[in-house]
Amino acid sequence: MTWLDLEPGDPFGIGNLPYGIFSLGDGPRRVGVAIGPYVLDAAAVAGPAELLDRPTLNPLMAAGRAAWAEVRETITGLLTAPEHRAAVEPHLVPRDRVTLHLPFEVADYVDFYASENHASNVGRMFRPGAPGLPRAWKHLPIGYHGRAGTIVVSGTDIVRPSGQHLPGPEFGPSHRLDFEAEVGFVVGAPSPQGSRVPMEAFADHVFGVCLVNDWSARDIQSFETVPLGPFLGKSFATSISPWVVPLAALDAARIAPPPRDVEPLPYLDDRTAEPWGLDLALEVRLNGHTVARPPFATMYWTAAQQLAHLTVNGASLRTGDLFASGTVSGPEPETRGSLLELGWNGEQPIRLPDGGSRAFLEDGDEVRITATAPGKNGPIGLGDVAGRVIGARPL
């Protein structure tokens, strides 16, 4: 319980306390913690200044798991013990008054492909008559490296990308722009090159979780992908939510992943390990209309396995590394996390309640992704990630 008067079931309750970066007017950027309809100016009340009086979360993230736990415990105490109310209350700012910024400086970005439903759907669309999944898919978490410099905070407009696509090939704006509903994992504590991060060390390195929309230009992507993989079709923009939910807030959401029918190699074998599947319920809205409810609990590969695979060759981790789950799709049509699947590659455009339809995104469309998880004392909200598509820029 907190001395704040919060609405019952507030997704930003005392069990959540996600971190972000905020500013007031033209003021400096500061570390904030969301609590109900407010943002707590963390540095003003919690300290230490070298971790919290900063314009990004990177110093706090780099400090490691013990520091994360200490700061979270301090903030929890300040918001629950009535004797702290007079000192803390002046540093609570209504959330609708603040500007939220990219919460951390992104070091590297990796996007995985962890949903069996999504990967199978894509295989059926583009490789009819062949096995739905690539040969390696159930042996290792498949992923690709993206561009960290094109990751933007929720609310940033997305310029329609241009590139080469068929027929022709011809150059021009993408006609098949898509969203991908994903969950991102933010690395705090680094690891040196040449070392490995085993699954059991996952929580020692991952600071928290955010929502991701990995925008995709399907026509550019399909022409360039063979033989190397995504490039310009993915690298133009990736949106993330402004709040990073600490792993500690998601303890009650941890579940076993789905049963696996291929035995993984030992470094990926989590059958006797603590489970890192997560019971997250995503919702995707297109222009205010709900078009999908993807369940993260169905993801075949967990984030702990992804981190173990990412580093098994000796790749280093840097503070601010972001790795995303890949499109979250469930088994039912209404649980698919991309327009590519919802409209089956343009063959079955989805119908919207306003009478319109979409095969792919049009200029002016806004996509908003939200998510919640079960918590010990009520739901845990991951905030939202939103972006509006605007027209392509001339060459």
Protein backbone atom coordinates (compact mmCIF):
# COMPACT_ATOMS: atom_id res chain seq x y z
CA MET A 1 0.00 0.00 0.00
CA THR A 2 1.02 3.60 -0.56
CA TRP A 3 -0.02 6.85 1.07
CA LEU A 4 -0.99 8.08 -2.39
CA ASP A 5 -4.68 7.89 -3.29
CA LEU A 6 -4.46 5.62 -6.35
CA GLU A 7 -7.27 4.09 -8.35
CA PRO A 8 -7.79 0.37 -7.55
CA GLY A 9 -5.89 -1.76 -10.05
CA ASP A 10 -3.74 1.13 -11.29
CA PRO A 11 -1.16 -0.51 -13.61
CA PHE A 12 1.48 1.92 -12.31
CA GLY A 13 0.96 0.93 -8.69
CA ILE A 14 3.52 0.47 -5.94
CA GLY A 15 4.42 -3.01 -7.24
CA ASN A 16 5.57 -1.62 -10.58
CA LEU A 17 7.67 1.58 -10.26
CA PRO A 18 9.01 1.74 -13.82
CA TYR A 19 11.85 4.11 -14.67
CA GLY A 20 11.89 6.75 -17.38
CA ILE A 21 13.44 10.08 -18.34
CA PHE A 22 11.27 13.20 -18.12
CA SER A 23 11.50 16.95 -18.41
CA LEU A 24 9.26 19.87 -17.53
CA GLY A 25 9.04 22.56 -20.20
CA ASP A 26 12.56 23.51 -21.23
CA GLY A 27 14.01 22.07 -18.05
CA PRO A 28 16.71 19.41 -17.82
CA ARG A 29 16.06 15.73 -18.36
CA ARG A 30 15.81 13.75 -15.15
CA VAL A 31 15.23 10.19 -13.95
CA GLY A 32 11.60 9.66 -13.06
CA VAL A 33 9.59 6.81 -11.57
CA ALA A 34 5.94 6.37 -12.55
CA ILE A 35 3.51 5.95 -9.69
CA GLY A 36 -0.19 6.19 -10.49
CA PRO A 37 -0.86 9.40 -12.46
CA TYR A 38 2.42 10.94 -11.27
CA VAL A 39 6.11 10.94 -12.04
CA LEU A 40 8.40 10.97 -9.01
CA ASP A 41 11.58 13.02 -9.47
CA ALA A 42 13.82 10.24 -8.22
CA ALA A 43 17.04 12.22 -7.75
CA ALA A 44 15.28 14.86 -5.65
CA VAL A 45 14.31 12.38 -2.94
CA ALA A 46 16.12 9.08 -3.36
CA GLY A 47 19.73 9.54 -4.44
CA PRO A 48 22.50 8.62 -5.03
CA ALA A 49 23.04 11.58 -7.36
CA GLU A 50 25.66 9.80 -9.49
CA LEU A 51 23.00 7.26 -10.49
CA LEU A 52 19.77 9.27 -10.50
CA ASP A 53 20.67 12.90 -11.19
CA ARG A 54 21.36 12.07 -14.81
CA PRO A 55 19.70 12.67 -18.21
CA THR A 56 19.57 8.92 -19.03
CA LEU A 57 19.09 5.67 -17.14
CA ASN A 58 22.51 4.36 -18.22
CA PRO A 59 24.43 5.16 -14.99
CA LEU A 60 21.79 3.41 -12.88
CA MET A 61 21.63 0.50 -15.32
CA ALA A 62 25.42 0.07 -15.27
CA ALA A 63 25.53 -0.01 -11.47
CA GLY A 64 24.34 -3.61 -11.33
CA ARG A 65 21.73 -5.72 -9.65
CA ALA A 66 22.54 -4.85 -6.03
CA ALA A 67 22.22 -1.14 -6.77
CA TRP A 68 18.96 -1.70 -8.67
CA ALA A 69 17.50 -3.50 -5.66
CA GLU A 70 18.70 -0.83 -3.22
CA VAL A 71 17.25 2.08 -5.22
CA ARG A 72 13.95 0.24 -5.72
CA GLU A 73 13.72 -0.53 -2.00
CA THR A 74 14.43 3.11 -1.13
CA ILE A 75 11.76 4.45 -3.50
CA THR A 76 9.24 1.86 -2.29
CA GLY A 77 9.87 2.96 1.29
CA LEU A 78 9.47 6.63 0.43
CA LEU A 79 6.12 5.98 -1.22
CA THR A 80 4.72 3.67 1.45
CA ALA A 81 5.84 5.10 4.82
CA PRO A 82 3.51 7.99 5.80
CA GLU A 83 6.31 9.84 7.57
CA HIS A 84 7.96 10.52 4.20
CA ARG A 85 4.89 12.10 2.64
CA ALA A 86 5.75 15.72 3.37
CA ALA A 87 9.23 15.38 1.88
CA VAL A 88 8.18 13.36 -1.19
CA GLU A 89 4.89 14.94 -2.22
CA PRO A 90 6.41 18.18 -3.64
CA HIS A 91 8.45 16.05 -6.06
CA LEU A 92 5.47 14.23 -7.58
CA VAL A 93 4.58 15.74 -10.97
CA PRO A 94 1.35 14.91 -12.83
CA ARG A 95 2.29 12.66 -15.73
CA ASP A 96 0.26 14.69 -18.20
CA ARG A 97 2.54 17.70 -17.54
CA VAL A 98 5.85 16.04 -18.41
CA THR A 99 7.63 15.28 -21.63
CA LEU A 100 9.00 11.75 -21.80
CA HIS A 101 12.25 11.00 -23.64
CA LEU A 102 14.20 8.00 -24.86
CA PRO A 103 14.94 6.40 -21.49
CA PHE A 104 18.47 5.15 -22.17
CA GLU A 105 21.27 5.54 -24.67
CA VAL A 106 21.00 2.48 -26.89
CA ALA A 107 24.29 0.65 -27.43
CA ASP A 108 23.46 -2.30 -29.72
CA TYR A 109 20.12 -3.62 -30.93
CA VAL A 110 19.21 -7.23 -31.72
CA ASP A 111 15.79 -8.42 -32.83
CA PHE A 112 14.88 -12.07 -32.40
CA TYR A 113 12.27 -14.29 -34.05
CA ALA A 114 10.97 -16.21 -31.05
CA SER A 115 7.28 -16.84 -31.77
CA GLU A 116 6.62 -20.23 -33.36
CA ASN A 117 3.19 -19.04 -34.48
CA HIS A 118 4.66 -15.98 -36.23
CA ALA A 119 7.54 -17.88 -37.82
CA SER A 120 5.20 -20.63 -39.04
CA ASN A 121 2.76 -18.11 -40.50
CA VAL A 122 5.55 -16.35 -42.37
CA GLY A 123 6.85 -19.68 -43.65
CA ARG A 124 3.42 -20.70 -44.95
CA MET A 125 3.05 -17.38 -46.74
CA PHE A 126 6.45 -17.19 -48.40
CA ARG A 127 7.55 -20.83 -48.65
CA PRO A 128 4.41 -22.77 -49.59
CA GLY A 129 5.04 -26.47 -49.86
CA ALA A 130 8.24 -26.21 -47.77
CA PRO A 131 8.63 -26.71 -44.00
CA GLY A 132 7.13 -23.74 -42.18
CA LEU A 133 10.15 -23.19 -39.95
CA PRO A 134 13.78 -22.78 -41.04
CA ARG A 135 15.96 -25.77 -40.14
CA ALA A 136 17.75 -23.95 -37.31
CA TRP A 137 14.64 -22.41 -35.76
CA LYS A 138 14.03 -24.95 -32.98
CA HIS A 139 17.72 -25.39 -32.24
CA LEU A 140 18.60 -21.77 -31.51
CA PRO A 141 17.00 -18.33 -31.16
CA ILE A 142 17.28 -16.76 -34.62
CA GLY A 143 17.91 -13.00 -34.70
CA TYR A 144 19.41 -10.13 -36.63
CA HIS A 145 21.33 -6.97 -35.71
CA GLY A 146 19.50 -3.68 -36.22
CA ARG A 147 20.53 -0.04 -36.05
CA ALA A 148 20.66 1.38 -32.53
CA GLY A 149 20.63 4.94 -33.87
CA THR A 150 17.14 4.62 -35.33
CA ILE A 151 15.46 3.58 -32.08
CA VAL A 152 12.99 6.30 -31.06
CA VAL A 153 10.74 6.92 -28.10
CA SER A 154 6.99 6.42 -28.22
CA GLY A 155 5.16 9.32 -29.84
CA THR A 156 7.80 9.95 -32.50
CA ASP A 157 6.34 10.16 -36.01
CA ILE A 158 7.49 7.42 -38.38
CA VAL A 159 8.50 8.60 -41.85
CA ARG A 160 7.44 6.13 -44.51
CA PRO A 161 10.69 4.55 -45.72
CA SER A 162 11.81 4.36 -49.34
CA GLY A 163 13.91 1.71 -51.01
CA GLN A 164 14.06 -0.84 -53.78
CA HIS A 165 11.17 -3.23 -54.19
CA LEU A 166 9.42 -5.28 -56.83
CA PRO A 167 8.25 -5.19 -59.56
CA GLY A 168 11.27 -3.87 -61.38
CA PRO A 169 13.04 -3.44 -59.02
CA GLU A 170 11.96 0.14 -58.64
CA PHE A 171 12.83 2.78 -56.07
CA GLY A 172 10.15 4.53 -54.09
CA PRO A 173 8.16 4.67 -50.85
CA SER A 174 7.23 1.37 -49.27
CA HIS A 175 3.67 0.30 -50.11
CA ARG A 176 3.62 -2.48 -47.51
CA LEU A 177 4.51 -0.77 -44.25
CA ASP A 178 3.78 -2.86 -41.17
CA PHE A 179 4.03 -2.92 -37.39
CA GLU A 180 5.44 -5.68 -35.20
CA ALA A 181 4.26 -5.98 -31.60
CA GLU A 182 7.26 -7.00 -29.49
CA VAL A 183 8.74 -6.95 -26.00
CA GLY A 184 12.24 -5.57 -25.42
CA PHE A 185 14.84 -6.42 -22.78
CA VAL A 186 17.29 -3.75 -21.66
CA VAL A 187 20.83 -4.70 -20.62
CA GLY A 188 22.28 -2.93 -17.61
CA ALA A 189 25.40 -4.69 -16.36
CA PRO A 190 27.96 -5.25 -19.15
CA SER A 191 30.07 -8.33 -19.84
CA PRO A 192 33.54 -8.41 -21.43
CA GLN A 193 34.24 -9.70 -24.90
CA GLY A 194 35.19 -13.37 -24.87
CA SER A 195 32.92 -14.23 -21.93
CA ARG A 196 29.50 -15.86 -21.90
CA VAL A 197 26.34 -15.03 -19.97
CA PRO A 198 24.59 -18.27 -18.98
CA MET A 199 20.83 -18.39 -18.51
CA GLU A 200 21.15 -18.37 -14.72
CA ALA A 201 22.91 -14.97 -14.90
CA PHE A 202 20.11 -13.37 -16.92
CA ALA A 203 18.77 -11.27 -14.03
CA ASP A 204 22.29 -10.07 -13.17
CA HIS A 205 22.56 -8.34 -16.54
CA VAL A 206 19.04 -7.37 -17.65
CA PHE A 207 17.75 -4.20 -16.01
CA GLY A 208 14.18 -4.31 -17.24
CA VAL A 209 11.54 -4.63 -19.92
CA CYS A 210 9.93 -2.23 -22.39
CA LEU A 211 7.51 -2.46 -25.30
CA VAL A 212 8.79 -2.41 -28.88
CA ASN A 213 7.28 -1.75 -32.31
CA ASP A 214 9.81 -2.93 -34.88
CA TRP A 215 8.32 -1.20 -37.93
CA SER A 216 8.83 -3.19 -41.12
CA ALA A 217 8.70 -2.33 -44.83
CA ARG A 218 7.64 -5.73 -46.14
CA ASP A 219 8.21 -5.00 -49.83
CA ILE A 220 11.74 -3.67 -49.28
CA GLN A 221 12.44 -6.51 -46.86
CA SER A 222 11.25 -9.30 -49.17
CA PHE A 223 13.47 -8.13 -52.06
CA GLU A 224 16.65 -7.61 -50.04
CA THR A 225 16.40 -10.48 -47.55
CA VAL A 226 17.78 -13.33 -49.70
CA PRO A 227 20.46 -14.36 -48.85
CA LEU A 228 21.57 -12.25 -45.86
CA GLY A 229 18.47 -11.05 -44.04
CA PRO A 230 16.75 -7.80 -42.99
CA PHE A 231 18.47 -4.51 -43.74
CA LEU A 232 16.73 -1.36 -45.05
CA GLY A 233 13.31 -2.94 -44.61
CA LYS A 234 13.85 -2.81 -40.83
CA SER A 235 16.52 -0.23 -40.05
CA PHE A 236 14.55 2.99 -40.64
CA ALA A 237 12.80 3.08 -37.23
CA THR A 238 12.08 1.03 -34.14
CA SER A 239 9.86 2.55 -31.44
CA ILE A 240 10.12 1.77 -27.72
CA SER A 241 7.96 2.70 -24.76
CA PRO A 242 9.26 5.46 -22.46
CA TRP A 243 9.01 3.33 -19.30
CA VAL A 244 11.37 0.49 -18.41
CA VAL A 245 9.73 -1.94 -15.99
CA PRO A 246 12.26 -3.54 -13.59
CA LEU A 247 12.56 -7.32 -13.75
CA ALA A 248 11.72 -7.41 -10.03
CA ALA A 249 8.24 -6.07 -10.82
CA LEU A 250 7.55 -9.09 -13.03
CA ASP A 251 8.22 -11.87 -10.51
CA ALA A 252 4.54 -12.88 -10.41
CA ALA A 253 4.40 -12.97 -14.22
CA ARG A 254 7.11 -15.59 -14.62
CA ILE A 255 5.86 -18.86 -16.09
CA ALA A 256 7.22 -21.92 -17.83
CA PRO A 257 7.58 -21.52 -21.61
CA PRO A 258 5.58 -23.77 -23.96
CA PRO A 259 6.68 -27.41 -24.25
CA ARG A 260 9.48 -27.90 -26.76
CA ASP A 261 9.64 -30.85 -29.12
CA VAL A 262 13.36 -30.52 -29.96
CA GLU A 263 15.91 -31.00 -27.21
CA PRO A 264 18.14 -27.92 -27.06
CA LEU A 265 21.88 -28.01 -26.55
CA PRO A 266 22.97 -27.71 -22.90
CA TYR A 267 23.59 -23.93 -22.91
CA LEU A 268 19.94 -23.41 -23.98
CA ASP A 269 18.36 -26.20 -21.95
CA ASP A 270 16.14 -24.54 -19.35
CA ARG A 271 14.02 -27.52 -18.38
CA THR A 272 15.40 -27.61 -14.83
CA ALA A 273 16.14 -23.87 -14.57
CA GLU A 274 14.00 -21.14 -13.09
CA PRO A 275 11.44 -20.26 -15.74
CA TRP A 276 11.77 -17.05 -17.73
CA GLY A 277 8.60 -17.26 -19.76
CA LEU A 278 6.44 -14.19 -19.04
CA ASP A 279 2.67 -13.95 -18.87
CA LEU A 280 2.25 -10.62 -20.67
CA ALA A 281 -0.98 -9.65 -22.42
CA LEU A 282 -0.36 -7.30 -25.34
CA GLU A 283 -2.96 -5.25 -27.17
CA VAL A 284 -2.52 -3.52 -30.54
CA ARG A 285 -4.72 -0.60 -31.57
CA LEU A 286 -4.82 0.85 -35.07
CA ASN A 287 -6.32 4.35 -35.09
CA GLY A 288 -7.92 3.61 -31.74
CA HIS A 289 -9.43 0.27 -32.78
CA THR A 290 -8.17 -2.94 -31.17
CA VAL A 291 -6.93 -5.23 -33.94
CA ALA A 292 -4.94 -7.85 -32.02
CA ARG A 293 -4.30 -9.24 -28.54
CA PRO A 294 -1.00 -11.16 -28.75
CA PRO A 295 -0.09 -13.38 -25.75
CA PHE A 296 3.59 -13.28 -24.84
CA ALA A 297 3.19 -16.52 -22.84
CA THR A 298 3.23 -18.46 -26.14
CA MET A 299 6.79 -17.42 -27.07
CA TYR A 300 8.95 -20.47 -27.78
CA TRP A 301 12.31 -18.96 -26.82
CA THR A 302 12.69 -17.01 -23.56
CA ALA A 303 14.74 -13.85 -23.06
CA ALA A 304 17.18 -15.79 -20.86
CA GLN A 305 17.84 -18.21 -23.72
CA GLN A 306 18.18 -15.33 -26.15
CA LEU A 307 20.80 -13.61 -23.97
CA ALA A 308 22.69 -16.88 -23.52
CA HIS A 309 22.74 -17.44 -27.27
CA LEU A 310 23.65 -13.83 -28.02
CA THR A 311 26.81 -14.15 -25.91
CA VAL A 312 27.75 -17.81 -26.41
CA ASN A 313 30.25 -16.90 -29.12
CA GLY A 314 31.97 -14.43 -26.82
CA ALA A 315 30.09 -11.30 -27.90
CA SER A 316 30.24 -8.61 -25.23
CA LEU A 317 27.32 -6.86 -23.56
CA ARG A 318 27.24 -3.10 -23.18
CA THR A 319 25.05 -1.01 -20.91
CA GLY A 320 22.12 0.06 -23.05
CA ASP A 321 22.04 -3.00 -25.29
CA LEU A 322 18.47 -3.76 -26.33
CA PHE A 323 17.27 -7.12 -27.55
CA ALA A 324 13.69 -7.64 -28.65
CA SER A 325 11.55 -10.76 -28.73
CA GLY A 326 10.46 -10.60 -32.34
CA THR A 327 6.79 -10.39 -33.30
CA VAL A 328 4.49 -11.78 -30.61
CA SER A 329 1.76 -13.89 -32.22
CA GLY A 330 -0.63 -16.40 -30.74
CA PRO A 331 -2.40 -19.35 -32.36
CA GLU A 332 -5.67 -17.57 -33.19
CA PRO A 333 -6.11 -15.01 -36.01
CA GLU A 334 -6.99 -12.23 -33.57
CA THR A 335 -3.75 -12.80 -31.63
CA ARG A 336 -1.34 -12.15 -34.50
CA GLY A 337 1.09 -9.31 -33.85
CA SER A 338 1.57 -7.88 -37.35
CA LEU A 339 -0.56 -6.75 -40.27
CA LEU A 340 1.37 -9.18 -42.46
CA GLU A 341 -0.33 -11.99 -40.54
CA LEU A 342 -3.61 -10.29 -39.67
CA GLY A 343 -4.23 -9.54 -43.37
CA TRP A 344 -2.38 -12.62 -44.61
CA ASN A 345 0.12 -10.77 -46.80
CA GLY A 346 -2.55 -8.46 -48.18
CA GLU A 347 -4.90 -11.23 -49.32
CA GLN A 348 -7.43 -10.70 -46.52
CA PRO A 349 -7.39 -7.04 -45.43
CA ILE A 350 -8.65 -6.51 -41.92
CA ARG A 351 -11.91 -4.63 -41.42
CA LEU A 352 -12.04 -1.68 -39.04
CA PRO A 353 -15.09 -0.61 -37.04
CA ASP A 354 -15.23 2.71 -38.89
CA GLY A 355 -15.90 0.84 -42.13
CA GLY A 356 -12.38 1.04 -43.47
CA SER A 357 -9.93 -1.78 -44.10
CA ARG A 358 -6.18 -2.25 -44.07
CA ALA A 359 -3.80 -4.59 -45.82
CA PHE A 360 -0.83 -2.48 -44.71
CA LEU A 361 -0.39 0.89 -43.01
CA GLU A 362 -1.45 4.12 -44.68
CA ASP A 363 -0.12 7.63 -44.06
CA GLY A 364 -1.78 9.10 -40.99
CA ASP A 365 -2.31 5.72 -39.31
CA GLU A 366 -1.38 5.51 -35.64
CA VAL A 367 -0.36 2.22 -34.04
CA ARG A 368 -0.41 1.93 -30.25
CA ILE A 369 0.76 -1.17 -28.36
CA THR A 370 0.06 -1.69 -24.66
CA ALA A 371 0.70 -4.59 -22.28
CA THR A 372 -0.06 -5.73 -18.76
CA ALA A 373 1.23 -8.50 -16.54
CA PRO A 374 -0.06 -10.06 -13.33
CA GLY A 375 1.51 -8.61 -10.19
CA LYS A 376 1.53 -9.61 -6.55
CA ASN A 377 -0.84 -6.77 -5.62
CA GLY A 378 -2.53 -5.95 -8.90
CA PRO A 379 -1.72 -5.57 -12.59
CA ILE A 380 1.66 -4.37 -13.81
CA GLY A 381 1.48 -2.01 -16.77
CA LEU A 382 4.23 -1.68 -19.35
CA GLY A 383 2.89 1.66 -20.55
CA ASP A 384 2.50 1.97 -24.29
CA VAL A 385 4.47 2.50 -27.47
CA ALA A 386 2.81 4.58 -30.16
CA GLY A 387 3.78 6.01 -33.51
CA ARG A 388 2.01 7.75 -36.40
CA VAL A 389 2.99 7.14 -40.00
CA ILE A 390 3.74 10.24 -42.07
CA GLY A 391 4.52 10.52 -45.78
CA ALA A 392 7.84 9.63 -47.35
CA ARG A 393 10.42 12.36 -47.81
CA PRO A 394 11.58 13.17 -51.33
CA LEU A 395 14.92 11.75 -52.44
